[in-house]
Amino acid sequence: MITSKQRAYLRKLANPIPTIFQIGKGGLSDQLIGQVRDALEARELIKVHVLENAMVDVREVCGELAEAVRAEPVQVIGSRFVLYKESRDNRTIELNRIR
């Protein structure tokens, strides 16, 4: 569980990064979940866009995807959301100092 200060720090880091995944009318698939898991291991922080034709609630998809990949939801704004998961091998974001 991350604190509110850590969440604010992650939101700041996520602001300039591009959206690397889009969820469309197909919803969440096993392939997408695997790709998100790999991206989180490589980057730790990713941004996902839910397309209008997806016909799903952005918060629900964020929660389901975060649970599936064991990540922390950082932020949901409009049709985009940000996920964070500490990498085992490629740690670049240091959250332990922020409390």
Protein backbone atom coordinates (compact mmCIF):
# COMPACT_ATOMS: atom_id res chain seq x y z
CA MET A 1 0.00 0.00 0.00
CA ILE A 2 1.37 3.41 -0.92
CA THR A 3 0.83 6.57 1.09
CA SER A 4 -0.82 9.73 -0.19
CA LYS A 5 2.56 11.48 -0.48
CA GLN A 6 3.97 8.59 -2.47
CA ARG A 7 0.86 8.64 -4.68
CA ALA A 8 1.33 12.38 -5.28
CA TYR A 9 4.96 11.79 -6.21
CA LEU A 10 3.96 9.02 -8.65
CA ARG A 11 1.30 11.28 -10.20
CA LYS A 12 4.00 13.89 -10.78
CA LEU A 13 6.23 11.32 -12.45
CA ALA A 14 3.36 9.96 -14.57
CA ASN A 15 2.29 13.33 -15.95
CA PRO A 16 4.80 13.54 -18.85
CA ILE A 17 4.89 9.83 -19.77
CA PRO A 18 2.95 8.71 -22.85
CA THR A 19 0.04 6.29 -22.79
CA ILE A 20 1.39 2.91 -23.85
CA PHE A 21 -1.75 0.73 -23.72
CA GLN A 22 -5.30 1.16 -24.98
CA ILE A 23 -8.27 -0.89 -23.88
CA GLY A 24 -10.98 -1.13 -26.52
CA LYS A 25 -14.23 -3.01 -26.93
CA GLY A 26 -12.41 -6.31 -26.43
CA GLY A 27 -11.83 -5.36 -22.79
CA LEU A 28 -9.18 -7.08 -20.72
CA SER A 29 -7.63 -10.13 -22.32
CA ASP A 30 -4.97 -12.50 -21.03
CA GLN A 31 -2.59 -11.16 -23.67
CA LEU A 32 -3.11 -7.54 -22.53
CA ILE A 33 -2.63 -8.52 -18.88
CA GLY A 34 0.66 -10.25 -19.78
CA GLN A 35 1.87 -7.23 -21.73
CA VAL A 36 0.97 -4.87 -18.87
CA ARG A 37 2.79 -7.14 -16.41
CA ASP A 38 5.91 -7.06 -18.61
CA ALA A 39 5.70 -3.29 -19.08
CA LEU A 40 5.39 -2.73 -15.32
CA GLU A 41 8.47 -4.87 -14.73
CA ALA A 42 10.42 -2.80 -17.26
CA ARG A 43 9.07 0.68 -16.40
CA GLU A 44 7.37 0.47 -12.96
CA LEU A 45 4.91 3.22 -13.92
CA ILE A 46 2.55 3.03 -16.90
CA LYS A 47 -0.40 4.97 -18.28
CA VAL A 48 -3.40 3.22 -19.88
CA HIS A 49 -6.19 4.71 -22.00
CA VAL A 50 -9.71 3.25 -22.13
CA LEU A 51 -11.31 3.98 -25.49
CA GLU A 52 -14.88 5.27 -25.75
CA ASN A 53 -16.04 2.14 -27.58
CA ALA A 54 -14.92 -0.05 -24.66
CA MET A 55 -18.30 0.32 -22.90
CA VAL A 56 -16.72 -0.32 -19.49
CA ASP A 57 -16.18 1.88 -16.46
CA VAL A 58 -12.62 3.22 -16.28
CA ARG A 59 -12.39 2.76 -12.51
CA GLU A 60 -13.59 -0.85 -12.73
CA VAL A 61 -11.08 -1.69 -15.46
CA CYS A 62 -8.32 0.01 -13.48
CA GLY A 63 -9.16 -2.04 -10.39
CA GLU A 64 -9.43 -5.31 -12.31
CA LEU A 65 -6.16 -4.76 -14.15
CA ALA A 66 -4.34 -3.66 -11.00
CA GLU A 67 -5.55 -6.77 -9.21
CA ALA A 68 -4.62 -9.05 -12.12
CA VAL A 69 -1.02 -7.76 -12.27
CA ARG A 70 -0.73 -7.03 -8.51
CA ALA A 71 -0.07 -3.32 -9.07
CA GLU A 72 -1.14 -0.18 -7.25
CA PRO A 73 -3.62 2.12 -8.98
CA VAL A 74 -2.15 5.61 -8.75
CA GLN A 75 -4.65 7.84 -10.52
CA VAL A 76 -7.78 7.75 -12.66
CA ILE A 77 -8.52 10.86 -14.72
CA GLY A 78 -11.16 10.80 -17.43
CA SER A 79 -10.49 7.82 -19.64
CA ARG A 80 -6.89 7.29 -18.50
CA PHE A 81 -5.36 5.67 -15.47
CA VAL A 82 -1.89 5.11 -14.05
CA LEU A 83 -0.54 1.92 -12.47
CA TYR A 84 2.61 1.41 -10.39
CA LYS A 85 4.39 -1.78 -9.45
CA GLU A 86 7.88 -1.97 -7.99
CA SER A 87 10.20 -3.86 -10.31
CA ARG A 88 12.23 -6.78 -9.02
CA ASP A 89 15.20 -6.31 -11.36
CA ASN A 90 14.85 -2.82 -12.82
CA ARG A 91 14.13 -0.51 -9.89
CA THR A 92 14.23 3.15 -10.93
CA ILE A 93 11.62 4.81 -8.69
CA GLU A 94 12.56 5.14 -5.03
CA LEU A 95 9.46 5.40 -2.84
CA ASN A 96 10.95 4.35 0.49
CA ARG A 97 12.33 7.85 1.17
CA ILE A 98 8.92 9.47 0.74
CA ARG A 99 6.61 9.07 3.71
